[in-house]
Amino acid sequence: MSDGIAWIGVYSTAGSSAALPGMLGGISLTCARGIDADEFLIALGADLDELADRTLCRNLLVPARRPGDRSPHVNRAMYGTCGEWVYVLEDWGTATWATGYRKVESMRPAPDEEVVCVALNAWSPPQRIIHAPGDGSVYQAKFGQDNGEGSALGAALHAAGAVFPSTAEVGEAAAVAHFEKYGPQLPESVFTAVGDYSGLSIDRTAVEAGDLPAVLIPMV
């Protein structure tokens, strides 16, 4: 059974998934269309042989990093496809694409490649939603803010209640009151909006159990 993707937001503050065979709490999402799934994962840094193995997340071993080891630190990334989208789930604090698309050439979207990224940024707030619509532009906004592009994704964010009124619009007292009331539901609203826009549906049970394939991606 599929669950949409709102559940990712519901569990965004649930803490580490380290004790699970898969993932549940603190998941950041990157999804892309207009690019082959394997090509997108390779652009993120996935190893070709590892990708070919299609190892399930619950069977993927993350090597311990030893002091003085020159090898890059790696994080697991669970992935799958839904409709025309490839999606990548990461629970190490943020999304690899969000940290690398500005400086790693392979991560820069080509024309007609669209990327939507919801990065929780646990170690470097604020949480952000980033959208590369495929025309060379990249729009980003903090959770609760309009992304400024006037697109269907922006409309979905508004419709899901994921855009909060600003101080300039309603005054400081009203803006603070709105945040205090609806702030705890904001991650769920953001993931709801991205799901409504993209049509993504990802099985929570399969993700938690680690029943989707995964690869190790070096930290950028």
N, C-alpha and C. Protein backbone atom coordinates (compact mmCIF):
# COMPACT_ATOMS: atom_id res chain seq x y z
N MET A 1 0.85 -1.19 0.00
CA MET A 1 0.00 0.00 0.00
C MET A 1 0.88 1.24 0.00
N SER A 2 0.48 2.27 -0.76
CA SER A 2 1.23 3.50 -0.83
C SER A 2 0.61 4.54 0.08
N ASP A 3 1.42 5.48 0.53
CA ASP A 3 0.98 6.43 1.54
C ASP A 3 1.15 7.88 1.13
N GLY A 4 1.28 8.20 -0.17
CA GLY A 4 1.65 9.55 -0.53
C GLY A 4 3.04 9.84 0.01
N ILE A 5 3.32 11.10 0.33
CA ILE A 5 4.60 11.42 0.99
C ILE A 5 4.42 12.34 2.19
N ALA A 6 3.20 12.68 2.55
CA ALA A 6 2.98 13.54 3.72
C ALA A 6 3.57 12.92 4.98
N TRP A 7 3.60 11.59 5.04
CA TRP A 7 4.13 10.91 6.23
C TRP A 7 5.60 11.26 6.48
N ILE A 8 6.34 11.60 5.43
CA ILE A 8 7.75 11.98 5.63
C ILE A 8 7.82 13.22 6.51
N GLY A 9 6.92 14.17 6.27
CA GLY A 9 6.88 15.36 7.09
C GLY A 9 6.41 15.08 8.50
N VAL A 10 5.45 14.17 8.64
CA VAL A 10 4.93 13.81 9.96
C VAL A 10 6.06 13.31 10.86
N TYR A 11 6.96 12.52 10.29
CA TYR A 11 8.05 11.92 11.06
C TYR A 11 9.35 12.72 10.97
N SER A 12 9.27 13.96 10.50
CA SER A 12 10.49 14.73 10.28
C SER A 12 11.26 15.02 11.57
N THR A 13 10.57 15.05 12.70
CA THR A 13 11.23 15.33 13.99
C THR A 13 11.31 14.08 14.87
N ALA A 14 11.15 12.91 14.25
CA ALA A 14 11.10 11.67 15.03
C ALA A 14 12.47 11.18 15.47
N GLY A 15 13.53 11.87 15.08
CA GLY A 15 14.86 11.45 15.51
C GLY A 15 15.52 10.51 14.51
N SER A 16 16.64 9.98 14.89
CA SER A 16 17.46 9.15 14.00
C SER A 16 16.78 7.85 13.66
N SER A 17 17.05 7.38 12.45
CA SER A 17 16.56 6.07 12.00
C SER A 17 17.64 5.00 12.15
N ALA A 18 18.72 5.29 12.87
CA ALA A 18 19.88 4.40 12.92
C ALA A 18 19.54 3.00 13.38
N ALA A 19 18.54 2.86 14.24
CA ALA A 19 18.20 1.54 14.76
C ALA A 19 17.29 0.76 13.82
N LEU A 20 16.85 1.38 12.74
CA LEU A 20 15.94 0.72 11.81
C LEU A 20 16.70 0.10 10.64
N PRO A 21 16.14 -0.94 10.02
CA PRO A 21 16.75 -1.47 8.81
C PRO A 21 16.62 -0.51 7.64
N GLY A 22 15.63 0.39 7.72
CA GLY A 22 15.42 1.39 6.68
C GLY A 22 15.46 2.78 7.25
N MET A 23 14.47 3.60 6.92
CA MET A 23 14.42 4.99 7.37
C MET A 23 12.99 5.33 7.80
N LEU A 24 12.90 6.32 8.67
CA LEU A 24 11.58 6.84 9.06
C LEU A 24 11.69 8.30 9.48
N GLY A 25 12.50 8.61 10.49
CA GLY A 25 12.60 9.98 10.99
C GLY A 25 13.64 10.80 10.25
N GLY A 26 13.38 12.10 10.12
CA GLY A 26 14.36 13.03 9.58
C GLY A 26 14.77 12.78 8.16
N ILE A 27 13.83 12.41 7.29
CA ILE A 27 14.16 12.11 5.89
C ILE A 27 14.08 13.37 5.04
N SER A 28 15.13 13.62 4.26
CA SER A 28 15.11 14.64 3.22
C SER A 28 14.85 13.95 1.89
N LEU A 29 14.13 14.65 1.01
CA LEU A 29 13.70 14.07 -0.27
C LEU A 29 14.24 14.87 -1.43
N THR A 30 14.76 14.17 -2.43
CA THR A 30 15.09 14.78 -3.72
C THR A 30 14.41 13.97 -4.80
N CYS A 31 13.70 14.63 -5.69
CA CYS A 31 13.08 13.91 -6.80
C CYS A 31 13.36 14.65 -8.11
N ALA A 32 13.47 13.90 -9.18
CA ALA A 32 13.83 14.49 -10.47
C ALA A 32 13.09 13.78 -11.60
N ARG A 33 12.82 14.52 -12.64
CA ARG A 33 12.25 13.93 -13.84
C ARG A 33 12.92 14.54 -15.07
N GLY A 34 12.87 13.77 -16.16
CA GLY A 34 13.59 14.18 -17.36
C GLY A 34 14.99 13.63 -17.41
N ILE A 35 15.32 12.74 -16.47
CA ILE A 35 16.63 12.11 -16.41
C ILE A 35 16.46 10.66 -15.98
N ASP A 36 17.27 9.78 -16.53
CA ASP A 36 17.23 8.37 -16.15
C ASP A 36 17.58 8.21 -14.68
N ALA A 37 16.91 7.27 -14.01
CA ALA A 37 17.11 7.09 -12.57
C ALA A 37 18.57 6.80 -12.23
N ASP A 38 19.20 5.87 -12.94
CA ASP A 38 20.60 5.54 -12.66
C ASP A 38 21.51 6.73 -12.94
N GLU A 39 21.23 7.48 -14.00
CA GLU A 39 22.05 8.65 -14.32
C GLU A 39 21.97 9.68 -13.19
N PHE A 40 20.80 9.85 -12.63
CA PHE A 40 20.66 10.83 -11.55
C PHE A 40 21.44 10.39 -10.32
N LEU A 41 21.37 9.11 -9.98
CA LEU A 41 22.10 8.60 -8.83
C LEU A 41 23.61 8.67 -9.03
N ILE A 42 24.06 8.41 -10.26
CA ILE A 42 25.49 8.54 -10.57
C ILE A 42 25.93 9.99 -10.43
N ALA A 43 25.07 10.91 -10.87
CA ALA A 43 25.38 12.34 -10.73
C ALA A 43 25.53 12.73 -9.27
N LEU A 44 24.80 12.06 -8.39
CA LEU A 44 24.90 12.33 -6.96
C LEU A 44 26.14 11.69 -6.34
N GLY A 45 26.79 10.80 -7.07
CA GLY A 45 28.01 10.18 -6.57
C GLY A 45 27.94 8.69 -6.32
N ALA A 46 26.84 8.04 -6.74
CA ALA A 46 26.70 6.60 -6.53
C ALA A 46 27.73 5.83 -7.35
N ASP A 47 28.22 4.73 -6.77
CA ASP A 47 29.18 3.86 -7.45
C ASP A 47 28.45 2.99 -8.47
N LEU A 48 29.02 2.85 -9.67
CA LEU A 48 28.38 2.11 -10.74
C LEU A 48 28.11 0.66 -10.36
N ASP A 49 29.11 -0.02 -9.80
CA ASP A 49 28.94 -1.42 -9.44
C ASP A 49 27.91 -1.58 -8.33
N GLU A 50 27.96 -0.70 -7.36
CA GLU A 50 27.01 -0.76 -6.26
C GLU A 50 25.59 -0.53 -6.76
N LEU A 51 25.45 0.39 -7.69
CA LEU A 51 24.14 0.68 -8.26
C LEU A 51 23.62 -0.53 -9.03
N ALA A 52 24.49 -1.21 -9.74
CA ALA A 52 24.08 -2.38 -10.52
C ALA A 52 23.63 -3.52 -9.62
N ASP A 53 24.14 -3.59 -8.39
CA ASP A 53 23.79 -4.68 -7.48
C ASP A 53 22.35 -4.58 -6.96
N ARG A 54 21.78 -3.37 -6.95
CA ARG A 54 20.42 -3.17 -6.46
C ARG A 54 20.24 -3.74 -5.04
N THR A 55 21.22 -3.46 -4.18
CA THR A 55 21.17 -3.94 -2.80
C THR A 55 20.05 -3.24 -2.04
N LEU A 56 19.26 -4.01 -1.31
CA LEU A 56 18.21 -3.41 -0.49
C LEU A 56 18.84 -2.63 0.67
N CYS A 57 18.18 -1.58 1.08
CA CYS A 57 18.72 -0.73 2.14
C CYS A 57 19.02 -1.54 3.40
N ARG A 58 18.16 -2.50 3.74
CA ARG A 58 18.37 -3.25 4.98
C ARG A 58 19.61 -4.14 4.92
N ASN A 59 20.11 -4.38 3.71
CA ASN A 59 21.31 -5.20 3.56
C ASN A 59 22.56 -4.39 3.25
N LEU A 60 22.42 -3.07 3.19
CA LEU A 60 23.54 -2.21 2.83
C LEU A 60 24.34 -1.85 4.07
N LEU A 61 25.62 -2.12 4.04
CA LEU A 61 26.49 -1.82 5.17
C LEU A 61 27.21 -0.50 4.95
N VAL A 62 27.11 0.38 5.94
CA VAL A 62 27.81 1.66 5.87
C VAL A 62 29.12 1.50 6.62
N PRO A 63 30.25 1.59 5.94
CA PRO A 63 31.55 1.38 6.62
C PRO A 63 31.82 2.47 7.65
N ALA A 64 32.41 2.05 8.76
CA ALA A 64 32.78 3.02 9.80
C ALA A 64 33.98 3.82 9.32
N ARG A 65 33.96 5.10 9.56
CA ARG A 65 35.08 5.94 9.15
C ARG A 65 36.12 5.97 10.27
N ARG A 66 37.35 5.66 9.93
CA ARG A 66 38.41 5.64 10.91
C ARG A 66 39.18 6.95 10.91
N PRO A 67 39.69 7.37 12.07
CA PRO A 67 40.48 8.61 12.14
C PRO A 67 41.65 8.57 11.17
N GLY A 68 41.81 9.64 10.40
CA GLY A 68 42.90 9.71 9.45
C GLY A 68 42.61 9.06 8.11
N ASP A 69 41.44 8.44 7.98
CA ASP A 69 41.06 7.78 6.73
C ASP A 69 40.82 8.85 5.67
N ARG A 70 41.45 8.70 4.51
CA ARG A 70 41.29 9.68 3.44
C ARG A 70 40.04 9.45 2.60
N SER A 71 39.43 8.31 2.76
CA SER A 71 38.24 8.03 1.96
C SER A 71 37.10 8.94 2.41
N PRO A 72 36.25 9.37 1.48
CA PRO A 72 35.18 10.31 1.83
C PRO A 72 34.14 9.64 2.72
N HIS A 73 33.55 10.43 3.60
CA HIS A 73 32.46 9.94 4.42
C HIS A 73 31.27 9.68 3.51
N VAL A 74 30.57 8.57 3.72
CA VAL A 74 29.44 8.23 2.86
C VAL A 74 28.17 8.08 3.68
N ASN A 75 27.06 8.33 3.04
CA ASN A 75 25.76 8.17 3.65
C ASN A 75 24.89 7.32 2.74
N ARG A 76 23.98 6.58 3.33
CA ARG A 76 23.10 5.75 2.52
C ARG A 76 21.98 6.59 1.94
N ALA A 77 21.56 6.23 0.74
CA ALA A 77 20.47 6.90 0.05
C ALA A 77 19.56 5.83 -0.54
N MET A 78 18.33 5.81 -0.08
CA MET A 78 17.34 4.87 -0.60
C MET A 78 16.66 5.52 -1.80
N TYR A 79 16.32 4.73 -2.81
CA TYR A 79 15.77 5.34 -4.02
C TYR A 79 14.69 4.45 -4.65
N GLY A 80 13.96 5.07 -5.56
CA GLY A 80 12.93 4.36 -6.29
C GLY A 80 12.37 5.27 -7.37
N THR A 81 11.36 4.78 -8.08
CA THR A 81 10.70 5.58 -9.10
C THR A 81 9.20 5.56 -8.88
N CYS A 82 8.55 6.63 -9.30
CA CYS A 82 7.10 6.73 -9.24
C CYS A 82 6.67 7.58 -10.43
N GLY A 83 5.95 6.97 -11.35
CA GLY A 83 5.59 7.68 -12.56
C GLY A 83 6.83 8.12 -13.31
N GLU A 84 6.91 9.40 -13.64
CA GLU A 84 8.06 9.90 -14.39
C GLU A 84 9.18 10.42 -13.49
N TRP A 85 9.04 10.22 -12.18
CA TRP A 85 10.01 10.74 -11.23
C TRP A 85 10.91 9.64 -10.66
N VAL A 86 12.17 9.98 -10.44
CA VAL A 86 13.06 9.19 -9.59
C VAL A 86 13.17 9.94 -8.28
N TYR A 87 13.12 9.21 -7.17
CA TYR A 87 13.22 9.89 -5.87
C TYR A 87 14.36 9.28 -5.06
N VAL A 88 14.95 10.12 -4.22
CA VAL A 88 16.05 9.72 -3.36
C VAL A 88 15.72 10.16 -1.93
N LEU A 89 15.84 9.24 -0.99
CA LEU A 89 15.56 9.51 0.41
C LEU A 89 16.85 9.40 1.21
N GLU A 90 17.13 10.41 2.05
CA GLU A 90 18.34 10.42 2.87
C GLU A 90 17.98 10.88 4.28
N ASP A 91 18.58 10.24 5.28
CA ASP A 91 18.23 10.56 6.66
C ASP A 91 19.44 10.97 7.49
N TRP A 92 20.48 11.50 6.82
CA TRP A 92 21.69 11.88 7.56
C TRP A 92 21.68 13.35 7.98
N GLY A 93 20.61 14.07 7.70
CA GLY A 93 20.50 15.46 8.13
C GLY A 93 20.05 16.41 7.05
N THR A 94 20.38 16.10 5.81
CA THR A 94 19.94 16.93 4.69
C THR A 94 19.97 16.08 3.43
N ALA A 95 19.94 16.75 2.25
CA ALA A 95 19.95 16.04 0.98
C ALA A 95 21.24 16.34 0.24
N THR A 96 21.87 15.33 -0.32
CA THR A 96 23.13 15.50 -1.04
C THR A 96 22.99 16.51 -2.17
N TRP A 97 21.90 16.45 -2.92
CA TRP A 97 21.73 17.38 -4.04
C TRP A 97 21.71 18.82 -3.54
N ALA A 98 21.06 19.05 -2.40
CA ALA A 98 20.98 20.41 -1.86
C ALA A 98 22.35 20.96 -1.50
N THR A 99 23.25 20.09 -1.04
CA THR A 99 24.58 20.55 -0.65
C THR A 99 25.53 20.66 -1.83
N GLY A 100 25.20 20.02 -2.95
CA GLY A 100 26.17 19.94 -4.03
C GLY A 100 25.81 20.56 -5.35
N TYR A 101 24.54 20.96 -5.56
CA TYR A 101 24.16 21.37 -6.92
C TYR A 101 24.86 22.65 -7.37
N ARG A 102 25.30 23.48 -6.43
CA ARG A 102 25.98 24.72 -6.81
C ARG A 102 27.44 24.48 -7.22
N LYS A 103 28.09 23.48 -6.61
CA LYS A 103 29.54 23.32 -6.81
C LYS A 103 29.94 22.05 -7.54
N VAL A 104 29.04 21.08 -7.67
CA VAL A 104 29.36 19.84 -8.36
C VAL A 104 28.67 19.85 -9.72
N GLU A 105 29.46 19.87 -10.76
CA GLU A 105 28.91 20.05 -12.11
C GLU A 105 27.90 18.97 -12.47
N SER A 106 28.15 17.73 -12.07
CA SER A 106 27.26 16.63 -12.45
C SER A 106 25.86 16.78 -11.84
N MET A 107 25.76 17.55 -10.76
CA MET A 107 24.46 17.71 -10.10
C MET A 107 23.64 18.86 -10.67
N ARG A 108 24.22 19.67 -11.52
CA ARG A 108 23.49 20.79 -12.09
C ARG A 108 22.50 20.28 -13.12
N PRO A 109 21.21 20.63 -12.97
CA PRO A 109 20.22 20.11 -13.90
C PRO A 109 20.46 20.60 -15.33
N ALA A 110 20.38 19.68 -16.26
CA ALA A 110 20.46 20.04 -17.68
C ALA A 110 19.10 20.58 -18.12
N PRO A 111 19.03 21.22 -19.30
CA PRO A 111 17.74 21.67 -19.80
C PRO A 111 16.74 20.52 -19.85
N ASP A 112 15.53 20.79 -19.44
CA ASP A 112 14.43 19.82 -19.42
C ASP A 112 14.54 18.80 -18.29
N GLU A 113 15.51 18.96 -17.38
CA GLU A 113 15.57 18.13 -16.18
C GLU A 113 15.05 18.94 -15.00
N GLU A 114 14.03 18.44 -14.36
CA GLU A 114 13.43 19.15 -13.23
C GLU A 114 13.81 18.45 -11.93
N VAL A 115 14.14 19.23 -10.92
CA VAL A 115 14.48 18.69 -9.61
C VAL A 115 13.70 19.44 -8.54
N VAL A 116 13.11 18.68 -7.62
CA VAL A 116 12.48 19.24 -6.43
C VAL A 116 13.17 18.61 -5.23
N CYS A 117 13.64 19.44 -4.31
CA CYS A 117 14.37 18.94 -3.15
C CYS A 117 13.80 19.55 -1.88
N VAL A 118 13.49 18.70 -0.91
CA VAL A 118 13.05 19.14 0.40
C VAL A 118 14.14 18.73 1.39
N ALA A 119 14.91 19.72 1.84
CA ALA A 119 16.08 19.47 2.68
C ALA A 119 15.80 19.92 4.11
N LEU A 120 15.86 18.98 5.05
CA LEU A 120 15.56 19.31 6.44
C LEU A 120 16.68 20.10 7.11
N ASN A 121 17.90 19.97 6.63
CA ASN A 121 19.03 20.76 7.12
C ASN A 121 19.13 20.73 8.65
N ALA A 122 19.19 19.53 9.19
CA ALA A 122 19.21 19.37 10.64
C ALA A 122 20.41 20.03 11.28
N TRP A 123 21.56 20.04 10.59
CA TRP A 123 22.79 20.60 11.17
C TRP A 123 23.03 22.04 10.75
N SER A 124 22.26 22.54 9.79
CA SER A 124 22.45 23.91 9.33
C SER A 124 21.11 24.49 8.89
N PRO A 125 20.23 24.78 9.87
CA PRO A 125 18.90 25.32 9.53
C PRO A 125 19.02 26.63 8.74
N PRO A 126 17.97 27.02 8.04
CA PRO A 126 16.60 26.51 8.14
C PRO A 126 16.30 25.38 7.14
N GLN A 127 15.18 24.73 7.34
CA GLN A 127 14.69 23.76 6.38
C GLN A 127 14.31 24.50 5.09
N ARG A 128 14.60 23.86 3.96
CA ARG A 128 14.37 24.54 2.69
C ARG A 128 13.73 23.62 1.66
N ILE A 129 12.97 24.24 0.76
CA ILE A 129 12.50 23.56 -0.44
C ILE A 129 13.15 24.25 -1.63
N ILE A 130 13.77 23.45 -2.50
CA ILE A 130 14.51 23.97 -3.65
C ILE A 130 13.89 23.39 -4.91
N HIS A 131 13.70 24.24 -5.91
CA HIS A 131 13.07 23.80 -7.15
C HIS A 131 13.87 24.29 -8.35
N ALA A 132 14.33 23.35 -9.16
CA ALA A 132 14.96 23.66 -10.44
C ALA A 132 13.98 23.21 -11.52
N PRO A 133 13.21 24.13 -12.12
CA PRO A 133 12.13 23.73 -13.03
C PRO A 133 12.58 23.26 -14.39
N GLY A 134 13.88 23.36 -14.69
CA GLY A 134 14.37 22.84 -15.96
C GLY A 134 14.67 23.91 -16.98
N ASP A 135 14.65 25.17 -16.56
CA ASP A 135 14.94 26.27 -17.49
C ASP A 135 16.21 27.01 -17.13
N GLY A 136 17.02 26.40 -16.28
CA GLY A 136 18.25 27.02 -15.85
C GLY A 136 18.13 27.80 -14.55
N SER A 137 16.90 27.99 -14.07
CA SER A 137 16.68 28.72 -12.82
C SER A 137 16.62 27.76 -11.65
N VAL A 138 16.96 28.26 -10.47
CA VAL A 138 16.81 27.50 -9.23
C VAL A 138 16.15 28.42 -8.21
N TYR A 139 15.03 27.99 -7.68
CA TYR A 139 14.30 28.76 -6.68
C TYR A 139 14.37 28.02 -5.35
N GLN A 140 14.55 28.77 -4.28
CA GLN A 140 14.54 28.13 -2.98
C GLN A 140 13.87 29.03 -1.96
N ALA A 141 13.30 28.41 -0.96
CA ALA A 141 12.62 29.15 0.10
C ALA A 141 12.69 28.36 1.39
N LYS A 142 12.64 29.09 2.48
CA LYS A 142 12.52 28.44 3.78
C LYS A 142 11.13 27.84 3.90
N PHE A 143 11.00 26.80 4.72
CA PHE A 143 9.67 26.28 5.01
C PHE A 143 8.78 27.43 5.51
N GLY A 144 7.60 27.53 4.96
CA GLY A 144 6.67 28.57 5.38
C GLY A 144 6.68 29.78 4.48
N GLN A 145 7.64 29.86 3.54
CA GLN A 145 7.72 30.99 2.64
C GLN A 145 7.37 30.60 1.22
N ASP A 146 6.87 31.58 0.46
CA ASP A 146 6.63 31.39 -0.97
C ASP A 146 7.97 31.30 -1.68
N ASN A 147 8.07 30.41 -2.68
CA ASN A 147 9.36 30.25 -3.35
C ASN A 147 9.60 31.27 -4.45
N GLY A 148 8.63 32.13 -4.70
CA GLY A 148 8.84 33.27 -5.58
C GLY A 148 8.79 33.01 -7.06
N GLU A 149 8.42 31.81 -7.49
CA GLU A 149 8.44 31.54 -8.92
C GLU A 149 7.06 31.58 -9.57
N GLY A 150 6.01 31.61 -8.76
CA GLY A 150 4.66 31.67 -9.32
C GLY A 150 4.29 30.47 -10.16
N SER A 151 4.77 29.29 -9.78
CA SER A 151 4.57 28.07 -10.56
C SER A 151 3.47 27.21 -9.95
N ALA A 152 3.24 26.05 -10.58
CA ALA A 152 2.28 25.09 -10.04
C ALA A 152 2.75 24.56 -8.70
N LEU A 153 4.06 24.43 -8.51
CA LEU A 153 4.58 24.01 -7.21
C LEU A 153 4.26 25.06 -6.15
N GLY A 154 4.46 26.33 -6.50
CA GLY A 154 4.12 27.39 -5.56
C GLY A 154 2.65 27.38 -5.20
N ALA A 155 1.80 27.14 -6.19
CA ALA A 155 0.36 27.07 -5.93
C ALA A 155 0.03 25.91 -5.01
N ALA A 156 0.73 24.78 -5.19
CA ALA A 156 0.50 23.62 -4.32
C ALA A 156 0.92 23.91 -2.89
N LEU A 157 2.01 24.65 -2.72
CA LEU A 157 2.46 25.03 -1.38
C LEU A 157 1.41 25.91 -0.69
N HIS A 158 0.87 26.86 -1.42
CA HIS A 158 -0.18 27.71 -0.86
C HIS A 158 -1.41 26.88 -0.51
N ALA A 159 -1.83 26.02 -1.42
CA ALA A 159 -3.04 25.23 -1.22
C ALA A 159 -2.93 24.29 -0.02
N ALA A 160 -1.72 23.81 0.27
CA ALA A 160 -1.51 22.89 1.38
C ALA A 160 -1.29 23.61 2.71
N GLY A 161 -1.34 24.93 2.69
CA GLY A 161 -1.09 25.68 3.92
C GLY A 161 0.37 25.74 4.29
N ALA A 162 1.26 25.56 3.31
CA ALA A 162 2.70 25.51 3.57
C ALA A 162 3.36 26.87 3.39
N VAL A 163 2.58 27.90 3.11
CA VAL A 163 3.09 29.27 3.01
C VAL A 163 2.39 30.10 4.08
N PHE A 164 3.16 30.61 5.01
CA PHE A 164 2.60 31.35 6.14
C PHE A 164 2.55 32.85 5.82
N PRO A 165 1.60 33.56 6.41
CA PRO A 165 1.55 35.02 6.21
C PRO A 165 2.78 35.68 6.82
N SER A 166 3.29 36.69 6.13
CA SER A 166 4.48 37.39 6.61
C SER A 166 4.09 38.54 7.53
N THR A 167 5.09 39.02 8.24
CA THR A 167 4.87 40.18 9.11
C THR A 167 4.39 41.38 8.32
N ALA A 168 4.94 41.56 7.11
CA ALA A 168 4.55 42.69 6.27
C ALA A 168 3.08 42.60 5.86
N GLU A 169 2.58 41.38 5.74
CA GLU A 169 1.20 41.19 5.29
C GLU A 169 0.18 41.35 6.41
N VAL A 170 0.48 40.80 7.58
CA VAL A 170 -0.53 40.76 8.63
C VAL A 170 -0.09 41.39 9.94
N GLY A 171 1.15 41.84 10.01
CA GLY A 171 1.67 42.38 11.26
C GLY A 171 2.39 41.32 12.06
N GLU A 172 3.26 41.77 12.94
CA GLU A 172 4.10 40.83 13.69
C GLU A 172 3.30 39.91 14.60
N ALA A 173 2.33 40.45 15.33
CA ALA A 173 1.57 39.65 16.29
C ALA A 173 0.82 38.53 15.60
N ALA A 174 0.15 38.85 14.48
CA ALA A 174 -0.62 37.84 13.76
C ALA A 174 0.28 36.79 13.12
N ALA A 175 1.42 37.23 12.60
CA ALA A 175 2.36 36.28 11.98
C ALA A 175 2.91 35.32 13.02
N VAL A 176 3.25 35.84 14.20
CA VAL A 176 3.78 34.99 15.27
C VAL A 176 2.70 34.02 15.75
N ALA A 177 1.48 34.51 15.90
CA ALA A 177 0.38 33.65 16.35
C ALA A 177 0.11 32.53 15.35
N HIS A 178 0.19 32.85 14.06
CA HIS A 178 -0.04 31.83 13.02
C HIS A 178 1.05 30.77 13.08
N PHE A 179 2.29 31.21 13.25
CA PHE A 179 3.41 30.25 13.33
C PHE A 179 3.27 29.36 14.55
N GLU A 180 2.92 29.94 15.68
CA GLU A 180 2.79 29.15 16.90
C GLU A 180 1.69 28.10 16.76
N LYS A 181 0.64 28.44 16.04
CA LYS A 181 -0.49 27.51 15.88
C LYS A 181 -0.20 26.43 14.85
N TYR A 182 0.38 26.82 13.74
CA TYR A 182 0.52 25.89 12.61
C TYR A 182 1.96 25.44 12.35
N GLY A 183 2.92 26.01 13.05
CA GLY A 183 4.31 25.65 12.83
C GLY A 183 4.61 24.17 12.97
N PRO A 184 4.06 23.49 13.99
CA PRO A 184 4.36 22.06 14.14
C PRO A 184 3.90 21.21 12.95
N GLN A 185 2.90 21.67 12.19
CA GLN A 185 2.41 20.91 11.04
C GLN A 185 3.08 21.32 9.73
N LEU A 186 4.02 22.27 9.80
CA LEU A 186 4.60 22.80 8.58
C LEU A 186 5.34 21.75 7.74
N PRO A 187 6.19 20.89 8.31
CA PRO A 187 6.83 19.87 7.47
C PRO A 187 5.83 18.96 6.76
N GLU A 188 4.77 18.57 7.47
CA GLU A 188 3.75 17.75 6.82
C GLU A 188 3.10 18.51 5.67
N SER A 189 2.85 19.79 5.86
CA SER A 189 2.23 20.59 4.81
C SER A 189 3.14 20.71 3.59
N VAL A 190 4.45 20.89 3.82
CA VAL A 190 5.39 21.00 2.72
C VAL A 190 5.44 19.70 1.91
N PHE A 191 5.56 18.58 2.60
CA PHE A 191 5.61 17.30 1.87
C PHE A 191 4.28 16.99 1.20
N THR A 192 3.17 17.40 1.81
CA THR A 192 1.87 17.25 1.17
C THR A 192 1.85 18.01 -0.15
N ALA A 193 2.34 19.24 -0.14
CA ALA A 193 2.35 20.07 -1.34
C ALA A 193 3.21 19.45 -2.43
N VAL A 194 4.40 18.98 -2.06
CA VAL A 194 5.28 18.36 -3.05
C VAL A 194 4.64 17.09 -3.62
N GLY A 195 3.97 16.33 -2.77
CA GLY A 195 3.26 15.15 -3.25
C GLY A 195 2.13 15.50 -4.19
N ASP A 196 1.37 16.55 -3.85
CA ASP A 196 0.27 16.97 -4.72
C ASP A 196 0.79 17.45 -6.07
N TYR A 197 1.91 18.15 -6.05
CA TYR A 197 2.49 18.67 -7.29
C TYR A 197 3.05 17.55 -8.17
N SER A 198 3.78 16.65 -7.55
CA SER A 198 4.51 15.63 -8.32
C SER A 198 3.73 14.34 -8.55
N GLY A 199 2.73 14.08 -7.69
CA GLY A 199 2.04 12.80 -7.75
C GLY A 199 2.81 11.67 -7.11
N LEU A 200 3.89 11.99 -6.40
CA LEU A 200 4.69 10.96 -5.75
C LEU A 200 3.90 10.24 -4.66
N SER A 201 4.06 8.95 -4.61
CA SER A 201 3.53 8.14 -3.52
C SER A 201 4.58 7.09 -3.18
N ILE A 202 5.01 7.11 -1.92
CA ILE A 202 6.09 6.23 -1.48
C ILE A 202 5.61 5.44 -0.27
N ASP A 203 5.74 4.15 -0.32
CA ASP A 203 5.24 3.25 0.72
C ASP A 203 6.04 3.40 2.01
N ARG A 204 5.42 3.94 3.05
CA ARG A 204 6.12 4.16 4.32
C ARG A 204 6.62 2.85 4.90
N THR A 205 5.82 1.79 4.84
CA THR A 205 6.21 0.51 5.43
C THR A 205 7.46 -0.04 4.77
N ALA A 206 7.54 0.08 3.43
CA ALA A 206 8.70 -0.41 2.69
C ALA A 206 9.95 0.40 3.03
N VAL A 207 9.78 1.71 3.19
CA VAL A 207 10.92 2.57 3.54
C VAL A 207 11.43 2.24 4.94
N GLU A 208 10.51 2.08 5.88
CA GLU A 208 10.89 1.79 7.26
C GLU A 208 11.58 0.43 7.36
N ALA A 209 11.12 -0.52 6.56
CA ALA A 209 11.70 -1.87 6.59
C ALA A 209 12.98 -1.98 5.77
N GLY A 210 13.31 -0.95 5.00
CA GLY A 210 14.51 -1.01 4.17
C GLY A 210 14.34 -1.90 2.97
N ASP A 211 13.12 -2.00 2.45
CA ASP A 211 12.85 -2.90 1.34
C ASP A 211 12.99 -2.24 -0.03
N LEU A 212 13.55 -1.03 -0.06
CA LEU A 212 13.87 -0.38 -1.33
C LEU A 212 15.38 -0.42 -1.53
N PRO A 213 15.84 -0.36 -2.78
CA PRO A 213 17.29 -0.39 -3.02
C PRO A 213 17.96 0.88 -2.49
N ALA A 214 19.24 0.77 -2.19
CA ALA A 214 19.98 1.90 -1.65
C ALA A 214 21.42 1.84 -2.14
N VAL A 215 22.06 3.00 -2.11
CA VAL A 215 23.48 3.11 -2.46
C VAL A 215 24.15 4.00 -1.42
N LEU A 216 25.47 3.97 -1.40
CA LEU A 216 26.23 4.86 -0.54
C LEU A 216 26.69 6.05 -1.38
N ILE A 217 26.43 7.26 -0.88
CA ILE A 217 26.78 8.48 -1.59
C ILE A 217 27.77 9.28 -0.75
N PRO A 218 28.90 9.68 -1.34
CA PRO A 218 29.87 10.46 -0.56
C PRO A 218 29.32 11.83 -0.18
N MET A 219 29.66 12.28 1.00
CA MET A 219 29.23 13.59 1.47
C MET A 219 29.95 14.67 0.67
N VAL A 220 29.17 15.66 0.21
CA VAL A 220 29.73 16.75 -0.58
C VAL A 220 30.15 17.88 0.34
